[in-house]
Amino acid sequence: MWGNGSDETECMRTQYRGSAPFSEPETRAVRDFVLSVKEQLKFAINFHSYGKAIITPYNAMLPNLFREQHPEIRQTMHEFITEAKFAAGTDIGPATEIIGVVAGGSAGDWIS
């Protein structure tokens, strides 16, 4: 879902999506690392620089169907969220719900 809700112009730095999927060196580095360990990868956390937030998939989809489409991952996320200790006021959920942004091309969406 690359490109949904993001901006095609470089001047919009908050949501600039790049010229193509994995066009930016940082996203290529993450992609290459994830692909190199995909057989061992059991869980990934996407720490977001915006506020105190744990961003969960899907960020390019309204309505957000992650919970319905991936009940096994939803259960793992629920266990993580209920067992981990987060700072007071930490928002947890998809970007569409916690910050009101449709963000096509998020790492969490691609990894899941």
PDB file of N, CA and C in Angstrom:
ATOM      1  N   MET A   1       0.825  -1.192   0.000  1.00  0.00           N
ATOM      2  CA  MET A   1       0.000   0.000   0.000  1.00  0.00           C
ATOM      3  C   MET A   1       0.869   1.255   0.000  1.00  0.00           C
ATOM      4  N   TRP A   2       2.049   1.164  -0.572  1.00  0.00           N
ATOM      5  CA  TRP A   2       2.955   2.305  -0.633  1.00  0.00           C
ATOM      6  C   TRP A   2       2.266   3.481  -1.302  1.00  0.00           C
ATOM      7  N   GLY A   3       2.410   4.623  -0.699  1.00  0.00           N
ATOM      8  CA  GLY A   3       1.892   5.843  -1.294  1.00  0.00           C
ATOM      9  C   GLY A   3       0.543   6.291  -0.784  1.00  0.00           C
ATOM     10  N   ASN A   4      -0.236   5.417  -0.148  1.00  0.00           N
ATOM     11  CA  ASN A   4      -1.548   5.829   0.368  1.00  0.00           C
ATOM     12  C   ASN A   4      -1.363   6.897   1.430  1.00  0.00           C
ATOM     13  N   GLY A   5      -1.999   8.030   1.255  1.00  0.00           N
ATOM     14  CA  GLY A   5      -2.012   9.062   2.279  1.00  0.00           C
ATOM     15  C   GLY A   5      -0.724   9.840   2.435  1.00  0.00           C
ATOM     16  N   SER A   6       0.273   9.583   1.611  1.00  0.00           N
ATOM     17  CA  SER A   6       1.530  10.310   1.738  1.00  0.00           C
ATOM     18  C   SER A   6       1.674  11.294   0.593  1.00  0.00           C
ATOM     19  N   ASP A   7       2.702  12.113   0.670  1.00  0.00           N
ATOM     20  CA  ASP A   7       2.856  13.195  -0.292  1.00  0.00           C
ATOM     21  C   ASP A   7       3.929  12.848  -1.313  1.00  0.00           C
ATOM     22  N   GLU A   8       3.678  13.211  -2.559  1.00  0.00           N
ATOM     23  CA  GLU A   8       4.655  12.926  -3.613  1.00  0.00           C
ATOM     24  C   GLU A   8       5.677  14.045  -3.776  1.00  0.00           C
ATOM     25  N   THR A   9       5.497  15.149  -3.072  1.00  0.00           N
ATOM     26  CA  THR A   9       6.447  16.249  -3.199  1.00  0.00           C
ATOM     27  C   THR A   9       7.416  16.239  -2.029  1.00  0.00           C
ATOM     28  N   GLU A  10       8.677  16.426  -2.340  1.00  0.00           N
ATOM     29  CA  GLU A  10       9.727  16.347  -1.326  1.00  0.00           C
ATOM     30  C   GLU A  10       9.603  17.430  -0.268  1.00  0.00           C
ATOM     31  N   CYS A  11       8.930  18.523  -0.576  1.00  0.00           N
ATOM     32  CA  CYS A  11       8.816  19.604   0.403  1.00  0.00           C
ATOM     33  C   CYS A  11       7.931  19.225   1.587  1.00  0.00           C
ATOM     34  N   MET A  12       7.127  18.198   1.463  1.00  0.00           N
ATOM     35  CA  MET A  12       6.274  17.745   2.560  1.00  0.00           C
ATOM     36  C   MET A  12       7.022  16.676   3.358  1.00  0.00           C
ATOM     37  N   ARG A  13       8.034  17.082   4.090  1.00  0.00           N
ATOM     38  CA  ARG A  13       8.904  16.149   4.805  1.00  0.00           C
ATOM     39  C   ARG A  13       8.188  15.261   5.811  1.00  0.00           C
ATOM     40  N   THR A  14       7.058  15.697   6.353  1.00  0.00           N
ATOM     41  CA  THR A  14       6.395  14.884   7.367  1.00  0.00           C
ATOM     42  C   THR A  14       5.779  13.627   6.785  1.00  0.00           C
ATOM     43  N   GLN A  15       5.420  13.651   5.512  1.00  0.00           N
ATOM     44  CA  GLN A  15       4.799  12.480   4.905  1.00  0.00           C
ATOM     45  C   GLN A  15       5.375  12.170   3.536  1.00  0.00           C
ATOM     46  N   TYR A  16       6.569  12.646   3.248  1.00  0.00           N
ATOM     47  CA  TYR A  16       7.155  12.364   1.939  1.00  0.00           C
ATOM     48  C   TYR A  16       7.420  10.882   1.805  1.00  0.00           C
ATOM     49  N   ARG A  17       6.929  10.299   0.748  1.00  0.00           N
ATOM     50  CA  ARG A  17       7.010   8.844   0.578  1.00  0.00           C
ATOM     51  C   ARG A  17       8.218   8.387  -0.218  1.00  0.00           C
ATOM     52  N   GLY A  18       9.001   9.305  -0.762  1.00  0.00           N
ATOM     53  CA  GLY A  18      10.093   8.922  -1.643  1.00  0.00           C
ATOM     54  C   GLY A  18       9.565   8.737  -3.054  1.00  0.00           C
ATOM     55  N   SER A  19      10.458   8.513  -3.981  1.00  0.00           N
ATOM     56  CA  SER A  19      10.058   8.413  -5.381  1.00  0.00           C
ATOM     57  C   SER A  19       9.513   7.033  -5.753  1.00  0.00           C
ATOM     58  N   ALA A  20       9.794   6.034  -4.936  1.00  0.00           N
ATOM     59  CA  ALA A  20       9.339   4.663  -5.177  1.00  0.00           C
ATOM     60  C   ALA A  20       9.498   3.878  -3.875  1.00  0.00           C
ATOM     61  N   PRO A  21       8.852   2.713  -3.757  1.00  0.00           N
ATOM     62  CA  PRO A  21       9.076   1.893  -2.565  1.00  0.00           C
ATOM     63  C   PRO A  21      10.575   1.616  -2.380  1.00  0.00           C
ATOM     64  N   PHE A  22      11.049   1.797  -1.176  1.00  0.00           N
ATOM     65  CA  PHE A  22      12.458   1.559  -0.812  1.00  0.00           C
ATOM     66  C   PHE A  22      13.427   2.452  -1.584  1.00  0.00           C
ATOM     67  N   SER A  23      12.981   3.628  -1.993  1.00  0.00           N
ATOM     68  CA  SER A  23      13.856   4.537  -2.742  1.00  0.00           C
ATOM     69  C   SER A  23      14.866   5.236  -1.844  1.00  0.00           C
ATOM     70  N   GLU A  24      14.601   5.297  -0.556  1.00  0.00           N
ATOM     71  CA  GLU A  24      15.496   6.007   0.359  1.00  0.00           C
ATOM     72  C   GLU A  24      16.476   5.021   0.999  1.00  0.00           C
ATOM     73  N   PRO A  25      17.732   5.453   1.232  1.00  0.00           N
ATOM     74  CA  PRO A  25      18.738   4.529   1.767  1.00  0.00           C
ATOM     75  C   PRO A  25      18.358   3.928   3.118  1.00  0.00           C
ATOM     76  N   GLU A  26      17.665   4.688   3.956  1.00  0.00           N
ATOM     77  CA  GLU A  26      17.266   4.163   5.267  1.00  0.00           C
ATOM     78  C   GLU A  26      16.256   3.031   5.124  1.00  0.00           C
ATOM     79  N   THR A  27      15.313   3.193   4.211  1.00  0.00           N
ATOM     80  CA  THR A  27      14.316   2.140   4.045  1.00  0.00           C
ATOM     81  C   THR A  27      14.925   0.908   3.386  1.00  0.00           C
ATOM     82  N   ARG A  28      15.874   1.112   2.488  1.00  0.00           N
ATOM     83  CA  ARG A  28      16.578  -0.038   1.887  1.00  0.00           C
ATOM     84  C   ARG A  28      17.358  -0.800   2.950  1.00  0.00           C
ATOM     85  N   ALA A  29      17.991  -0.078   3.876  1.00  0.00           N
ATOM     86  CA  ALA A  29      18.765  -0.731   4.934  1.00  0.00           C
ATOM     87  C   ALA A  29      17.868  -1.583   5.824  1.00  0.00           C
ATOM     88  N   VAL A  30      16.700  -1.047   6.195  1.00  0.00           N
ATOM     89  CA  VAL A  30      15.760  -1.823   7.007  1.00  0.00           C
ATOM     90  C   VAL A  30      15.263  -3.027   6.223  1.00  0.00           C
ATOM     91  N   ARG A  31      14.888  -2.815   4.974  1.00  0.00           N
ATOM     92  CA  ARG A  31      14.411  -3.924   4.136  1.00  0.00           C
ATOM     93  C   ARG A  31      15.459  -5.030   4.040  1.00  0.00           C
ATOM     94  N   ASP A  32      16.695  -4.650   3.737  1.00  0.00           N
ATOM     95  CA  ASP A  32      17.751  -5.646   3.569  1.00  0.00           C
ATOM     96  C   ASP A  32      18.011  -6.411   4.864  1.00  0.00           C
ATOM     97  N   PHE A  33      17.983  -5.698   5.991  1.00  0.00           N
ATOM     98  CA  PHE A  33      18.185  -6.379   7.274  1.00  0.00           C
ATOM     99  C   PHE A  33      17.051  -7.357   7.549  1.00  0.00           C
ATOM    100  N   VAL A  34      15.816  -6.909   7.400  1.00  0.00           N
ATOM    101  CA  VAL A  34      14.671  -7.782   7.676  1.00  0.00           C
ATOM    102  C   VAL A  34      14.698  -9.008   6.772  1.00  0.00           C
ATOM    103  N   LEU A  35      14.984  -8.817   5.501  1.00  0.00           N
ATOM    104  CA  LEU A  35      15.047  -9.957   4.586  1.00  0.00           C
ATOM    105  C   LEU A  35      16.181 -10.912   4.951  1.00  0.00           C
ATOM    106  N   SER A  36      17.271 -10.388   5.504  1.00  0.00           N
ATOM    107  CA  SER A  36      18.404 -11.252   5.864  1.00  0.00           C
ATOM    108  C   SER A  36      18.133 -12.093   7.106  1.00  0.00           C
ATOM    109  N   VAL A  37      17.177 -11.680   7.945  1.00  0.00           N
ATOM    110  CA  VAL A  37      16.884 -12.426   9.181  1.00  0.00           C
ATOM    111  C   VAL A  37      15.447 -12.941   9.222  1.00  0.00           C
ATOM    112  N   LYS A  38      14.759 -12.924   8.093  1.00  0.00           N
ATOM    113  CA  LYS A  38      13.322 -13.225   8.104  1.00  0.00           C
ATOM    114  C   LYS A  38      12.996 -14.602   8.662  1.00  0.00           C
ATOM    115  N   GLU A  39      13.870 -15.561   8.507  1.00  0.00           N
ATOM    116  CA  GLU A  39      13.599 -16.893   9.052  1.00  0.00           C
ATOM    117  C   GLU A  39      13.670 -16.905  10.575  1.00  0.00           C
ATOM    118  N   GLN A  40      14.474 -16.031  11.154  1.00  0.00           N
ATOM    119  CA  GLN A  40      14.621 -15.966  12.610  1.00  0.00           C
ATOM    120  C   GLN A  40      13.723 -14.913  13.256  1.00  0.00           C
ATOM    121  N   LEU A  41      13.185 -14.018  12.472  1.00  0.00           N
ATOM    122  CA  LEU A  41      12.406 -12.899  12.993  1.00  0.00           C
ATOM    123  C   LEU A  41      11.067 -13.378  13.530  1.00  0.00           C
ATOM    124  N   LYS A  42      10.833 -13.127  14.793  1.00  0.00           N
ATOM    125  CA  LYS A  42       9.566 -13.516  15.423  1.00  0.00           C
ATOM    126  C   LYS A  42       8.709 -12.311  15.771  1.00  0.00           C
ATOM    127  N   PHE A  43       9.348 -11.174  16.024  1.00  0.00           N
ATOM    128  CA  PHE A  43       8.627 -10.001  16.505  1.00  0.00           C
ATOM    129  C   PHE A  43       9.445  -8.769  16.165  1.00  0.00           C
ATOM    130  N   ALA A  44       8.796  -7.721  15.740  1.00  0.00           N
ATOM    131  CA  ALA A  44       9.483  -6.462  15.449  1.00  0.00           C
ATOM    132  C   ALA A  44       8.698  -5.320  16.067  1.00  0.00           C
ATOM    133  N   ILE A  45       9.414  -4.353  16.595  1.00  0.00           N
ATOM    134  CA  ILE A  45       8.792  -3.168  17.176  1.00  0.00           C
ATOM    135  C   ILE A  45       9.233  -1.968  16.361  1.00  0.00           C
ATOM    136  N   ASN A  46       8.288  -1.159  15.976  1.00  0.00           N
ATOM    137  CA  ASN A  46       8.571   0.055  15.219  1.00  0.00           C
ATOM    138  C   ASN A  46       8.450   1.241  16.162  1.00  0.00           C
ATOM    139  N   PHE A  47       9.591   1.726  16.674  1.00  0.00           N
ATOM    140  CA  PHE A  47       9.568   2.903  17.538  1.00  0.00           C
ATOM    141  C   PHE A  47       9.440   4.131  16.655  1.00  0.00           C
ATOM    142  N   HIS A  48       8.459   4.947  16.940  1.00  0.00           N
ATOM    143  CA  HIS A  48       8.168   6.107  16.114  1.00  0.00           C
ATOM    144  C   HIS A  48       8.654   7.368  16.806  1.00  0.00           C
ATOM    145  N   SER A  49       9.146   8.298  16.028  1.00  0.00           N
ATOM    146  CA  SER A  49       9.690   9.526  16.601  1.00  0.00           C
ATOM    147  C   SER A  49       8.621  10.523  17.023  1.00  0.00           C
ATOM    148  N   TYR A  50       7.392  10.301  16.666  1.00  0.00           N
ATOM    149  CA  TYR A  50       6.318  11.219  17.024  1.00  0.00           C
ATOM    150  C   TYR A  50       5.817  10.915  18.428  1.00  0.00           C
ATOM    151  N   GLY A  51       6.017  11.830  19.342  1.00  0.00           N
ATOM    152  CA  GLY A  51       5.453  11.707  20.677  1.00  0.00           C
ATOM    153  C   GLY A  51       5.780  10.397  21.347  1.00  0.00           C
ATOM    154  N   LYS A  52       4.960  10.018  22.283  1.00  0.00           N
ATOM    155  CA  LYS A  52       5.099   8.723  22.954  1.00  0.00           C
ATOM    156  C   LYS A  52       4.115   7.773  22.301  1.00  0.00           C
ATOM    157  N   ALA A  53       4.577   7.067  21.284  1.00  0.00           N
ATOM    158  CA  ALA A  53       3.654   6.231  20.526  1.00  0.00           C
ATOM    159  C   ALA A  53       4.289   4.918  20.129  1.00  0.00           C
ATOM    160  N   ILE A  54       3.536   3.864  20.256  1.00  0.00           N
ATOM    161  CA  ILE A  54       3.872   2.565  19.689  1.00  0.00           C
ATOM    162  C   ILE A  54       2.895   2.396  18.527  1.00  0.00           C
ATOM    163  N   ILE A  55       3.427   2.429  17.302  1.00  0.00           N
ATOM    164  CA  ILE A  55       2.594   2.382  16.102  1.00  0.00           C
ATOM    165  C   ILE A  55       2.434   0.926  15.659  1.00  0.00           C
ATOM    166  N   THR A  56       1.197   0.481  15.540  1.00  0.00           N
ATOM    167  CA  THR A  56       0.919  -0.886  15.116  1.00  0.00           C
ATOM    168  C   THR A  56       0.348  -0.867  13.696  1.00  0.00           C
ATOM    169  N   PRO A  57       0.394  -1.994  12.973  1.00  0.00           N
ATOM    170  CA  PRO A  57      -0.172  -2.055  11.622  1.00  0.00           C
ATOM    171  C   PRO A  57      -1.695  -1.937  11.678  1.00  0.00           C
ATOM    172  N   TYR A  58      -2.355  -1.701  10.649  1.00  0.00           N
ATOM    173  CA  TYR A  58      -2.049  -1.185   9.328  1.00  0.00           C
ATOM    174  C   TYR A  58      -2.216   0.323   9.346  1.00  0.00           C
ATOM    175  N   ASN A  59      -1.326   1.023   8.687  1.00  0.00           N
ATOM    176  CA  ASN A  59      -1.356   2.477   8.711  1.00  0.00           C
ATOM    177  C   ASN A  59      -1.815   3.081   7.393  1.00  0.00           C
ATOM    178  N   ALA A  60      -2.045   2.262   6.385  1.00  0.00           N
ATOM    179  CA  ALA A  60      -2.460   2.764   5.073  1.00  0.00           C
ATOM    180  C   ALA A  60      -3.877   2.348   4.735  1.00  0.00           C
ATOM    181  N   MET A  61      -4.625   1.919   5.732  1.00  0.00           N
ATOM    182  CA  MET A  61      -5.922   1.321   5.467  1.00  0.00           C
ATOM    183  C   MET A  61      -7.002   1.901   6.382  1.00  0.00           C
ATOM    184  N   LEU A  62      -8.065   2.386   5.778  1.00  0.00           N
ATOM    185  CA  LEU A  62      -9.265   2.790   6.518  1.00  0.00           C
ATOM    186  C   LEU A  62     -10.451   2.119   5.873  1.00  0.00           C
ATOM    187  N   PRO A  63     -11.260   1.366   6.566  1.00  0.00           N
ATOM    188  CA  PRO A  63     -11.069   1.065   7.972  1.00  0.00           C
ATOM    189  C   PRO A  63      -9.883   0.131   8.169  1.00  0.00           C
ATOM    190  N   ASN A  64      -9.334   0.139   9.379  1.00  0.00           N
ATOM    191  CA  ASN A  64      -8.181  -0.684   9.693  1.00  0.00           C
ATOM    192  C   ASN A  64      -8.640  -2.120   9.946  1.00  0.00           C
ATOM    193  N   LEU A  65      -8.211  -3.035   9.078  1.00  0.00           N
ATOM    194  CA  LEU A  65      -8.656  -4.432   9.154  1.00  0.00           C
ATOM    195  C   LEU A  65      -7.624  -5.365   9.777  1.00  0.00           C
ATOM    196  N   PHE A  66      -6.568  -4.802  10.362  1.00  0.00           N
ATOM    197  CA  PHE A  66      -5.501  -5.626  10.913  1.00  0.00           C
ATOM    198  C   PHE A  66      -6.018  -6.641  11.932  1.00  0.00           C
ATOM    199  N   ARG A  67      -6.825  -6.186  12.857  1.00  0.00           N
ATOM    200  CA  ARG A  67      -7.311  -7.076  13.921  1.00  0.00           C
ATOM    201  C   ARG A  67      -8.081  -8.265  13.361  1.00  0.00           C
ATOM    202  N   GLU A  68      -8.885  -8.009  12.334  1.00  0.00           N
ATOM    203  CA  GLU A  68      -9.680  -9.084  11.741  1.00  0.00           C
ATOM    204  C   GLU A  68      -8.839 -10.006  10.860  1.00  0.00           C
ATOM    205  N   GLN A  69      -7.887  -9.437  10.140  1.00  0.00           N
ATOM    206  CA  GLN A  69      -7.105 -10.226   9.189  1.00  0.00           C
ATOM    207  C   GLN A  69      -5.969 -11.010   9.830  1.00  0.00           C
ATOM    208  N   HIS A  70      -5.505 -10.596  11.002  1.00  0.00           N
ATOM    209  CA  HIS A  70      -4.351 -11.246  11.642  1.00  0.00           C
ATOM    210  C   HIS A  70      -4.613 -11.499  13.123  1.00  0.00           C
ATOM    211  N   PRO A  71      -5.558 -12.365  13.456  1.00  0.00           N
ATOM    212  CA  PRO A  71      -5.874 -12.575  14.879  1.00  0.00           C
ATOM    213  C   PRO A  71      -4.692 -13.109  15.684  1.00  0.00           C
ATOM    214  N   GLU A  72      -3.815 -13.902  15.064  1.00  0.00           N
ATOM    215  CA  GLU A  72      -2.666 -14.442  15.801  1.00  0.00           C
ATOM    216  C   GLU A  72      -1.660 -13.343  16.140  1.00  0.00           C
ATOM    217  N   ILE A  73      -1.448 -12.424  15.230  1.00  0.00           N
ATOM    218  CA  ILE A  73      -0.554 -11.303  15.503  1.00  0.00           C
ATOM    219  C   ILE A  73      -1.222 -10.347  16.494  1.00  0.00           C
ATOM    220  N   ARG A  74      -2.518 -10.162  16.354  1.00  0.00           N
ATOM    221  CA  ARG A  74      -3.259  -9.318  17.294  1.00  0.00           C
ATOM    222  C   ARG A  74      -3.108  -9.845  18.709  1.00  0.00           C
ATOM    223  N   GLN A  75      -3.161 -11.154  18.897  1.00  0.00           N
ATOM    224  CA  GLN A  75      -3.017 -11.751  20.226  1.00  0.00           C
ATOM    225  C   GLN A  75      -1.614 -11.494  20.774  1.00  0.00           C
ATOM    226  N   THR A  76      -0.600 -11.634  19.948  1.00  0.00           N
ATOM    227  CA  THR A  76       0.773 -11.354  20.379  1.00  0.00           C
ATOM    228  C   THR A  76       0.918  -9.888  20.768  1.00  0.00           C
ATOM    229  N   MET A  77       0.356  -8.989  19.959  1.00  0.00           N
ATOM    230  CA  MET A  77       0.412  -7.564  20.278  1.00  0.00           C
ATOM    231  C   MET A  77      -0.310  -7.274  21.585  1.00  0.00           C
ATOM    232  N   HIS A  78      -1.447  -7.911  21.797  1.00  0.00           N
ATOM    233  CA  HIS A  78      -2.197  -7.706  23.040  1.00  0.00           C
ATOM    234  C   HIS A  78      -1.357  -8.131  24.245  1.00  0.00           C
ATOM    235  N   GLU A  79      -0.698  -9.277  24.142  1.00  0.00           N
ATOM    236  CA  GLU A  79       0.161  -9.746  25.241  1.00  0.00           C
ATOM    237  C   GLU A  79       1.309  -8.775  25.481  1.00  0.00           C
ATOM    238  N   PHE A  80       1.933  -8.314  24.417  1.00  0.00           N
ATOM    239  CA  PHE A  80       3.035  -7.351  24.539  1.00  0.00           C
ATOM    240  C   PHE A  80       2.555  -6.073  25.220  1.00  0.00           C
ATOM    241  N   ILE A  81       1.429  -5.549  24.779  1.00  0.00           N
ATOM    242  CA  ILE A  81       0.918  -4.282  25.307  1.00  0.00           C
ATOM    243  C   ILE A  81       0.511  -4.414  26.772  1.00  0.00           C
ATOM    244  N   THR A  82      -0.096  -5.529  27.140  1.00  0.00           N
ATOM    245  CA  THR A  82      -0.548  -5.676  28.525  1.00  0.00           C
ATOM    246  C   THR A  82       0.596  -6.025  29.470  1.00  0.00           C
ATOM    247  N   GLU A  83       1.650  -6.663  28.991  1.00  0.00           N
ATOM    248  CA  GLU A  83       2.770  -7.063  29.850  1.00  0.00           C
ATOM    249  C   GLU A  83       3.871  -6.013  29.950  1.00  0.00           C
ATOM    250  N   ALA A  84       4.065  -5.227  28.905  1.00  0.00           N
ATOM    251  CA  ALA A  84       5.142  -4.233  28.900  1.00  0.00           C
ATOM    252  C   ALA A  84       4.749  -3.027  29.745  1.00  0.00           C
ATOM    253  N   LYS A  85       5.768  -2.333  30.228  1.00  0.00           N
ATOM    254  CA  LYS A  85       5.522  -1.119  31.009  1.00  0.00           C
ATOM    255  C   LYS A  85       5.913   0.080  30.154  1.00  0.00           C
ATOM    256  N   PHE A  86       4.908   0.853  29.795  1.00  0.00           N
ATOM    257  CA  PHE A  86       5.123   2.045  28.993  1.00  0.00           C
ATOM    258  C   PHE A  86       4.956   3.277  29.866  1.00  0.00           C
ATOM    259  N   ALA A  87       5.595   4.350  29.467  1.00  0.00           N
ATOM    260  CA  ALA A  87       5.443   5.616  30.184  1.00  0.00           C
ATOM    261  C   ALA A  87       3.987   6.052  30.148  1.00  0.00           C
ATOM    262  N   ALA A  88       3.570   6.729  31.186  1.00  0.00           N
ATOM    263  CA  ALA A  88       2.207   7.243  31.230  1.00  0.00           C
ATOM    264  C   ALA A  88       1.942   8.105  29.996  1.00  0.00           C
ATOM    265  N   GLY A  89       0.781   7.942  29.418  1.00  0.00           N
ATOM    266  CA  GLY A  89       0.408   8.735  28.258  1.00  0.00           C
ATOM    267  C   GLY A  89       0.869   8.184  26.929  1.00  0.00           C
ATOM    268  N   THR A  90       1.487   6.996  26.915  1.00  0.00           N
ATOM    269  CA  THR A  90       1.919   6.392  25.660  1.00  0.00           C
ATOM    270  C   THR A  90       0.693   5.969  24.857  1.00  0.00           C
ATOM    271  N   ASP A  91       0.631   6.413  23.619  1.00  0.00           N
ATOM    272  CA  ASP A  91      -0.444   6.005  22.723  1.00  0.00           C
ATOM    273  C   ASP A  91      -0.024   4.737  21.996  1.00  0.00           C
ATOM    274  N   ILE A  92      -0.926   3.785  21.888  1.00  0.00           N
ATOM    275  CA  ILE A  92      -0.632   2.518  21.231  1.00  0.00           C
ATOM    276  C   ILE A  92      -1.742   2.227  20.234  1.00  0.00           C
ATOM    277  N   GLY A  93      -1.356   2.006  18.979  1.00  0.00           N
ATOM    278  CA  GLY A  93      -2.332   1.682  17.953  1.00  0.00           C
ATOM    279  C   GLY A  93      -1.830   2.105  16.590  1.00  0.00           C
ATOM    280  N   PRO A  94      -2.642   1.909  15.569  1.00  0.00           N
ATOM    281  CA  PRO A  94      -2.247   2.325  14.231  1.00  0.00           C
ATOM    282  C   PRO A  94      -2.278   3.846  14.116  1.00  0.00           C
ATOM    283  N   ALA A  95      -1.447   4.374  13.235  1.00  0.00           N
ATOM    284  CA  ALA A  95      -1.377   5.817  13.018  1.00  0.00           C
ATOM    285  C   ALA A  95      -2.735   6.390  12.641  1.00  0.00           C
ATOM    286  N   THR A  96      -3.540   5.598  11.934  1.00  0.00           N
ATOM    287  CA  THR A  96      -4.865   6.073  11.536  1.00  0.00           C
ATOM    288  C   THR A  96      -5.733   6.392  12.746  1.00  0.00           C
ATOM    289  N   GLU A  97      -5.518   5.686  13.849  1.00  0.00           N
ATOM    290  CA  GLU A  97      -6.342   5.891  15.042  1.00  0.00           C
ATOM    291  C   GLU A  97      -5.716   6.852  16.043  1.00  0.00           C
ATOM    292  N   ILE A  98      -4.412   6.773  16.256  1.00  0.00           N
ATOM    293  CA  ILE A  98      -3.846   7.571  17.345  1.00  0.00           C
ATOM    294  C   ILE A  98      -3.375   8.956  16.943  1.00  0.00           C
ATOM    295  N   ILE A  99      -3.007   9.137  15.677  1.00  0.00           N
ATOM    296  CA  ILE A  99      -2.618  10.486  15.257  1.00  0.00           C
ATOM    297  C   ILE A  99      -3.395  10.961  14.039  1.00  0.00           C
ATOM    298  N   GLY A 100      -4.342  10.159  13.571  1.00  0.00           N
ATOM    299  CA  GLY A 100      -5.211  10.567  12.476  1.00  0.00           C
ATOM    300  C   GLY A 100      -4.527  10.693  11.134  1.00  0.00           C
ATOM    301  N   VAL A 101      -3.515   9.855  10.886  1.00  0.00           N
ATOM    302  CA  VAL A 101      -2.752   9.928   9.641  1.00  0.00           C
ATOM    303  C   VAL A 101      -2.814   8.593   8.913  1.00  0.00           C
ATOM    304  N   VAL A 102      -3.173   8.636   7.636  1.00  0.00           N
ATOM    305  CA  VAL A 102      -3.054   7.462   6.779  1.00  0.00           C
ATOM    306  C   VAL A 102      -1.648   7.520   6.211  1.00  0.00           C
ATOM    307  N   ALA A 103      -0.839   6.507   6.502  1.00  0.00           N
ATOM    308  CA  ALA A 103       0.572   6.523   6.135  1.00  0.00           C
ATOM    309  C   ALA A 103       0.925   5.296   5.321  1.00  0.00           C
ATOM    310  N   GLY A 104       0.856   5.405   4.026  1.00  0.00           N
ATOM    311  CA  GLY A 104       1.198   4.279   3.154  1.00  0.00           C
ATOM    312  C   GLY A 104       2.695   4.058   3.125  1.00  0.00           C
ATOM    313  N   GLY A 105       3.097   2.831   3.380  1.00  0.00           N
ATOM    314  CA  GLY A 105       4.502   2.501   3.303  1.00  0.00           C
ATOM    315  C   GLY A 105       5.185   2.397   4.644  1.00  0.00           C
ATOM    316  N   SER A 106       4.440   2.176   5.702  1.00  0.00           N
ATOM    317  CA  SER A 106       5.084   2.067   7.024  1.00  0.00           C
ATOM    318  C   SER A 106       5.798   0.730   7.171  1.00  0.00           C
ATOM    319  N   ALA A 107       6.864   0.743   7.948  1.00  0.00           N
ATOM    320  CA  ALA A 107       7.658  -0.470   8.163  1.00  0.00           C
ATOM    321  C   ALA A 107       6.814  -1.567   8.795  1.00  0.00           C
ATOM    322  N   GLY A 108       5.985  -1.195   9.752  1.00  0.00           N
ATOM    323  CA  GLY A 108       5.143  -2.190  10.414  1.00  0.00           C
ATOM    324  C   GLY A 108       4.169  -2.868   9.472  1.00  0.00           C
ATOM    325  N   ASP A 109       3.639  -2.116   8.524  1.00  0.00           N
ATOM    326  CA  ASP A 109       2.731  -2.717   7.547  1.00  0.00           C
ATOM    327  C   ASP A 109       3.483  -3.699   6.657  1.00  0.00           C
ATOM    328  N   TRP A 110       4.661  -3.322   6.199  1.00  0.00           N
ATOM    329  CA  TRP A 110       5.436  -4.178   5.294  1.00  0.00           C
ATOM    330  C   TRP A 110       5.921  -5.432   6.015  1.00  0.00           C
ATOM    331  N   ILE A 111       6.406  -5.290   7.232  1.00  0.00           N
ATOM    332  CA  ILE A 111       6.937  -6.438   7.977  1.00  0.00           C
ATOM    333  C   ILE A 111       5.849  -7.422   8.312  1.00  0.00           C
ATOM    334  N   SER A 112       4.665  -6.925   8.710  1.00  0.00           N
ATOM    335  CA  SER A 112       3.609  -7.847   9.115  1.00  0.00           C
ATOM    336  C   SER A 112       3.059  -8.548   7.900  1.00  0.00           C
TER     337      SER A 112
END
